[in-house]
N, C-alpha and C. Protein backbone atom coordinates (compact mmCIF):
# COMPACT_ATOMS: atom_id res chain seq x y z
N UNK A 1 0.84 -1.19 0.00
CA UNK A 1 0.00 0.00 0.00
C UNK A 1 0.88 1.25 0.00
N UNK A 2 0.54 2.19 -0.85
CA UNK A 2 1.31 3.43 -0.95
C UNK A 2 1.04 4.33 0.25
N UNK A 3 2.07 5.06 0.72
CA UNK A 3 1.84 5.98 1.83
C UNK A 3 0.98 7.17 1.38
N UNK A 4 0.26 7.75 2.32
CA UNK A 4 -0.52 8.95 2.01
C UNK A 4 0.45 10.12 1.88
N UNK A 5 -0.04 11.20 1.31
CA UNK A 5 0.79 12.39 1.18
C UNK A 5 1.24 12.88 2.56
N UNK A 6 0.34 12.83 3.52
CA UNK A 6 0.66 13.26 4.88
C UNK A 6 1.79 12.41 5.47
N UNK A 7 1.72 11.10 5.28
CA UNK A 7 2.76 10.19 5.78
C UNK A 7 4.08 10.44 5.05
N UNK A 8 4.00 10.63 3.74
CA UNK A 8 5.20 10.88 2.95
C UNK A 8 5.88 12.17 3.41
N UNK A 9 5.07 13.21 3.61
CA UNK A 9 5.61 14.50 4.04
C UNK A 9 6.28 14.38 5.41
N UNK A 10 5.61 13.70 6.34
CA UNK A 10 6.16 13.53 7.69
C UNK A 10 7.51 12.82 7.62
N UNK A 11 7.58 11.76 6.82
CA UNK A 11 8.84 11.02 6.70
C UNK A 11 9.91 11.87 6.03
N UNK A 12 9.55 12.58 4.98
CA UNK A 12 10.52 13.41 4.27
C UNK A 12 11.06 14.51 5.18
N UNK A 13 10.19 15.13 5.97
CA UNK A 13 10.61 16.22 6.84
C UNK A 13 11.42 15.74 8.04
N UNK A 14 11.48 14.44 8.26
CA UNK A 14 12.34 13.93 9.33
C UNK A 14 13.80 13.98 8.92
N UNK A 15 14.06 14.16 7.62
CA UNK A 15 15.42 14.35 7.11
C UNK A 15 15.78 15.83 7.27
N UNK A 16 16.81 16.17 8.06
CA UNK A 16 17.14 17.58 8.31
C UNK A 16 17.39 18.40 7.04
N UNK A 17 18.03 17.82 6.06
CA UNK A 17 18.31 18.55 4.82
C UNK A 17 17.03 18.87 4.06
N UNK A 18 16.13 17.91 4.00
CA UNK A 18 14.84 18.10 3.33
C UNK A 18 14.02 19.14 4.09
N UNK A 19 14.00 19.04 5.40
CA UNK A 19 13.23 19.97 6.22
C UNK A 19 13.73 21.40 6.04
N UNK A 20 15.04 21.58 6.04
CA UNK A 20 15.63 22.91 5.86
C UNK A 20 15.20 23.52 4.53
N UNK A 21 15.33 22.75 3.46
CA UNK A 21 14.94 23.22 2.13
C UNK A 21 13.44 23.51 2.07
N UNK A 22 12.64 22.65 2.64
CA UNK A 22 11.18 22.81 2.65
C UNK A 22 10.79 24.13 3.31
N UNK A 23 11.33 24.39 4.48
CA UNK A 23 10.95 25.60 5.21
C UNK A 23 11.52 26.86 4.57
N UNK A 24 12.63 26.76 3.86
CA UNK A 24 13.16 27.91 3.14
C UNK A 24 12.30 28.25 1.93
N UNK A 25 11.72 27.24 1.29
CA UNK A 25 10.90 27.46 0.10
C UNK A 25 9.43 27.75 0.42
N UNK A 26 9.01 27.49 1.64
CA UNK A 26 7.60 27.62 2.02
C UNK A 26 7.00 29.00 1.70
N UNK A 27 7.69 30.11 1.99
CA UNK A 27 7.07 31.41 1.67
C UNK A 27 6.78 31.59 0.17
N UNK A 28 7.66 31.14 -0.69
CA UNK A 28 7.43 31.27 -2.14
C UNK A 28 6.24 30.43 -2.57
N UNK A 29 6.12 29.23 -2.05
CA UNK A 29 4.98 28.37 -2.38
C UNK A 29 3.68 29.00 -1.88
N UNK A 30 3.71 29.52 -0.67
CA UNK A 30 2.53 30.15 -0.08
C UNK A 30 2.10 31.35 -0.92
N UNK A 31 3.05 32.18 -1.30
CA UNK A 31 2.74 33.35 -2.13
C UNK A 31 2.06 32.94 -3.43
N UNK A 32 2.63 31.98 -4.11
CA UNK A 32 2.09 31.58 -5.41
C UNK A 32 0.70 30.95 -5.27
N UNK A 33 0.49 30.18 -4.21
CA UNK A 33 -0.84 29.61 -3.98
C UNK A 33 -1.86 30.72 -3.69
N UNK A 34 -1.44 31.74 -2.96
CA UNK A 34 -2.33 32.86 -2.66
C UNK A 34 -2.66 33.65 -3.93
N UNK A 35 -1.68 33.84 -4.80
CA UNK A 35 -1.94 34.55 -6.06
C UNK A 35 -3.01 33.83 -6.87
N UNK A 36 -2.87 32.53 -6.97
CA UNK A 36 -3.85 31.74 -7.72
C UNK A 36 -5.23 31.86 -7.07
N UNK A 37 -5.27 31.77 -5.75
CA UNK A 37 -6.56 31.83 -5.04
C UNK A 37 -7.25 33.16 -5.27
N UNK A 38 -6.54 34.28 -5.13
CA UNK A 38 -7.21 35.57 -5.26
C UNK A 38 -7.63 35.83 -6.71
N UNK A 39 -6.86 35.31 -7.67
CA UNK A 39 -7.27 35.45 -9.08
C UNK A 39 -8.56 34.69 -9.32
N UNK A 40 -8.60 33.45 -8.83
CA UNK A 40 -9.80 32.62 -9.02
C UNK A 40 -10.99 33.20 -8.25
N UNK A 41 -10.75 33.70 -7.04
CA UNK A 41 -11.82 34.33 -6.26
C UNK A 41 -12.40 35.53 -6.99
N UNK A 42 -11.56 36.21 -7.78
CA UNK A 42 -12.01 37.36 -8.58
C UNK A 42 -12.73 36.90 -9.84
N UNK A 43 -12.74 35.60 -10.08
CA UNK A 43 -13.42 35.06 -11.26
C UNK A 43 -12.68 35.28 -12.56
N UNK A 44 -11.35 35.42 -12.47
CA UNK A 44 -10.54 35.70 -13.66
C UNK A 44 -9.70 34.50 -14.07
N UNK A 45 -9.55 34.35 -15.36
CA UNK A 45 -8.61 33.36 -15.89
C UNK A 45 -7.25 34.04 -16.00
N UNK A 46 -6.22 33.26 -16.25
CA UNK A 46 -4.90 33.84 -16.46
C UNK A 46 -4.93 34.78 -17.67
N UNK A 47 -5.64 34.39 -18.72
CA UNK A 47 -5.74 35.21 -19.92
C UNK A 47 -6.40 36.56 -19.63
N UNK A 48 -7.49 36.53 -18.86
CA UNK A 48 -8.20 37.77 -18.52
C UNK A 48 -7.33 38.69 -17.66
N UNK A 49 -6.64 38.11 -16.70
CA UNK A 49 -5.75 38.91 -15.85
C UNK A 49 -4.61 39.50 -16.65
N UNK A 50 -4.06 38.72 -17.56
CA UNK A 50 -2.98 39.21 -18.42
C UNK A 50 -3.45 40.42 -19.22
N UNK A 51 -4.67 40.37 -19.71
CA UNK A 51 -5.22 41.49 -20.49
C UNK A 51 -5.33 42.74 -19.61
N UNK A 52 -5.82 42.58 -18.39
CA UNK A 52 -5.95 43.70 -17.46
C UNK A 52 -4.58 44.32 -17.18
N UNK A 53 -3.58 43.47 -17.02
CA UNK A 53 -2.23 43.94 -16.67
C UNK A 53 -1.38 44.27 -17.89
N UNK A 54 -1.97 44.18 -19.09
CA UNK A 54 -1.26 44.47 -20.33
C UNK A 54 0.02 43.65 -20.47
N UNK A 55 -0.16 42.36 -20.28
CA UNK A 55 0.96 41.43 -20.39
C UNK A 55 0.47 40.17 -21.09
N UNK A 56 1.31 39.17 -21.13
CA UNK A 56 0.96 37.89 -21.76
C UNK A 56 0.55 36.88 -20.70
N UNK A 57 -0.29 35.92 -21.13
CA UNK A 57 -0.72 34.85 -20.24
C UNK A 57 0.49 34.09 -19.69
N UNK A 58 1.52 33.92 -20.52
CA UNK A 58 2.70 33.18 -20.08
C UNK A 58 3.38 33.85 -18.89
N UNK A 59 3.30 35.18 -18.81
CA UNK A 59 3.87 35.89 -17.67
C UNK A 59 3.07 35.63 -16.40
N UNK A 60 1.75 35.57 -16.53
CA UNK A 60 0.90 35.26 -15.37
C UNK A 60 1.15 33.82 -14.92
N UNK A 61 1.24 32.94 -15.89
CA UNK A 61 1.50 31.53 -15.59
C UNK A 61 2.82 31.36 -14.86
N UNK A 62 3.85 32.03 -15.33
CA UNK A 62 5.18 31.94 -14.71
C UNK A 62 5.13 32.51 -13.29
N UNK A 63 4.39 33.60 -13.10
CA UNK A 63 4.27 34.23 -11.78
C UNK A 63 3.60 33.28 -10.79
N UNK A 64 2.61 32.51 -11.26
CA UNK A 64 1.86 31.61 -10.39
C UNK A 64 2.49 30.23 -10.25
N UNK A 65 3.47 29.92 -11.05
CA UNK A 65 4.06 28.58 -11.07
C UNK A 65 4.94 28.35 -9.85
N UNK A 66 4.59 27.37 -9.02
CA UNK A 66 5.36 27.09 -7.80
C UNK A 66 6.75 26.57 -8.10
N UNK A 67 6.98 26.10 -9.32
CA UNK A 67 8.31 25.60 -9.67
C UNK A 67 9.18 26.66 -10.35
N UNK A 68 8.65 27.87 -10.48
CA UNK A 68 9.39 28.94 -11.14
C UNK A 68 10.61 29.34 -10.32
N UNK A 69 11.72 29.52 -11.00
CA UNK A 69 12.96 29.94 -10.33
C UNK A 69 13.03 31.47 -10.27
N UNK A 70 12.10 32.13 -10.94
CA UNK A 70 12.10 33.59 -11.01
C UNK A 70 11.34 34.16 -9.82
N UNK A 71 11.96 35.11 -9.13
CA UNK A 71 11.30 35.79 -8.02
C UNK A 71 10.67 37.07 -8.56
N UNK A 72 9.35 37.21 -8.41
CA UNK A 72 8.70 38.41 -8.94
C UNK A 72 9.07 39.65 -8.13
N UNK A 73 9.05 40.80 -8.79
CA UNK A 73 9.29 42.07 -8.10
C UNK A 73 8.08 42.39 -7.23
N UNK A 74 8.32 43.10 -6.17
CA UNK A 74 7.25 43.51 -5.28
C UNK A 74 6.21 44.32 -6.04
N UNK A 75 6.65 45.19 -6.94
CA UNK A 75 5.72 46.01 -7.72
C UNK A 75 4.81 45.15 -8.59
N UNK A 76 5.33 44.04 -9.10
CA UNK A 76 4.53 43.12 -9.91
C UNK A 76 3.44 42.47 -9.06
N UNK A 77 3.80 42.06 -7.87
CA UNK A 77 2.83 41.44 -6.96
C UNK A 77 1.77 42.46 -6.57
N UNK A 78 2.18 43.70 -6.34
CA UNK A 78 1.22 44.76 -5.99
C UNK A 78 0.24 45.00 -7.14
N UNK A 79 0.73 45.05 -8.37
CA UNK A 79 -0.13 45.26 -9.53
C UNK A 79 -1.10 44.09 -9.70
N UNK A 80 -0.61 42.89 -9.52
CA UNK A 80 -1.43 41.67 -9.61
C UNK A 80 -2.56 41.77 -8.59
N UNK A 81 -2.21 42.07 -7.33
CA UNK A 81 -3.20 42.15 -6.26
C UNK A 81 -4.26 43.21 -6.57
N UNK A 82 -3.83 44.38 -7.01
CA UNK A 82 -4.75 45.46 -7.32
C UNK A 82 -5.70 45.06 -8.45
N UNK A 83 -5.17 44.37 -9.45
CA UNK A 83 -5.98 43.97 -10.61
C UNK A 83 -7.11 43.00 -10.23
N UNK A 84 -6.92 42.25 -9.16
CA UNK A 84 -7.96 41.29 -8.74
C UNK A 84 -8.72 41.79 -7.51
N UNK A 85 -8.52 43.06 -7.16
CA UNK A 85 -9.30 43.66 -6.08
C UNK A 85 -8.73 43.50 -4.69
N UNK A 86 -7.44 43.33 -4.59
CA UNK A 86 -6.79 43.17 -3.28
C UNK A 86 -5.71 44.23 -3.08
N UNK A 87 -5.36 44.42 -1.84
CA UNK A 87 -4.25 45.29 -1.46
C UNK A 87 -3.20 44.38 -0.82
N UNK A 88 -1.96 44.57 -1.16
CA UNK A 88 -0.88 43.74 -0.62
C UNK A 88 -0.52 44.21 0.78
N UNK A 89 -0.35 43.24 1.69
CA UNK A 89 0.10 43.50 3.03
C UNK A 89 1.22 42.52 3.33
N UNK A 90 2.32 43.02 3.89
CA UNK A 90 3.46 42.16 4.20
C UNK A 90 3.66 42.15 5.71
N UNK A 91 3.85 40.96 6.25
CA UNK A 91 4.08 40.81 7.69
C UNK A 91 5.45 40.18 7.92
N UNK A 92 6.08 40.61 8.99
CA UNK A 92 7.32 39.99 9.42
C UNK A 92 7.03 39.25 10.72
N UNK A 93 7.47 38.00 10.78
CA UNK A 93 7.20 37.16 11.92
C UNK A 93 8.54 36.73 12.53
N UNK A 94 8.73 36.92 13.83
CA UNK A 94 9.99 36.52 14.45
C UNK A 94 10.23 35.03 14.28
N UNK A 95 11.47 34.68 14.02
CA UNK A 95 11.83 33.27 13.89
C UNK A 95 11.96 32.65 15.27
N UNK A 96 11.54 31.38 15.35
CA UNK A 96 11.75 30.64 16.58
C UNK A 96 13.21 30.20 16.62
N UNK A 97 13.85 30.35 17.73
CA UNK A 97 15.27 29.95 17.82
C UNK A 97 15.42 28.68 18.58
C-alpha cells in the first residue's frame, strides 16, 4: 500500500536537509498559492488577468508557477493584487530559535 501524502511529508521532513529546504521554500509556495486563489476568487482566468495587466498569459502563468525559479518584483505582486481587487500587506514574523 502506498503511503498517504501526509505520511510521505512527515517522513521526508524527518530528514534535516529536506526539512531545511522545505521551510526555506515555504514562503514562495505560499505566495504563489495565494496569487492563484485571489485570481480565481475574482473570477478571472490567467488570460483575462494578463489582459488587465497588459501582459501575456505566459507571464501570469510563470508568476503563479510554484516551480518557477524567477522571483517576482514587489511592484509586480502589488499590480497583480490590485488587478484582482486586493491590497498587498506584508508581515514579518519573528523566527523561533
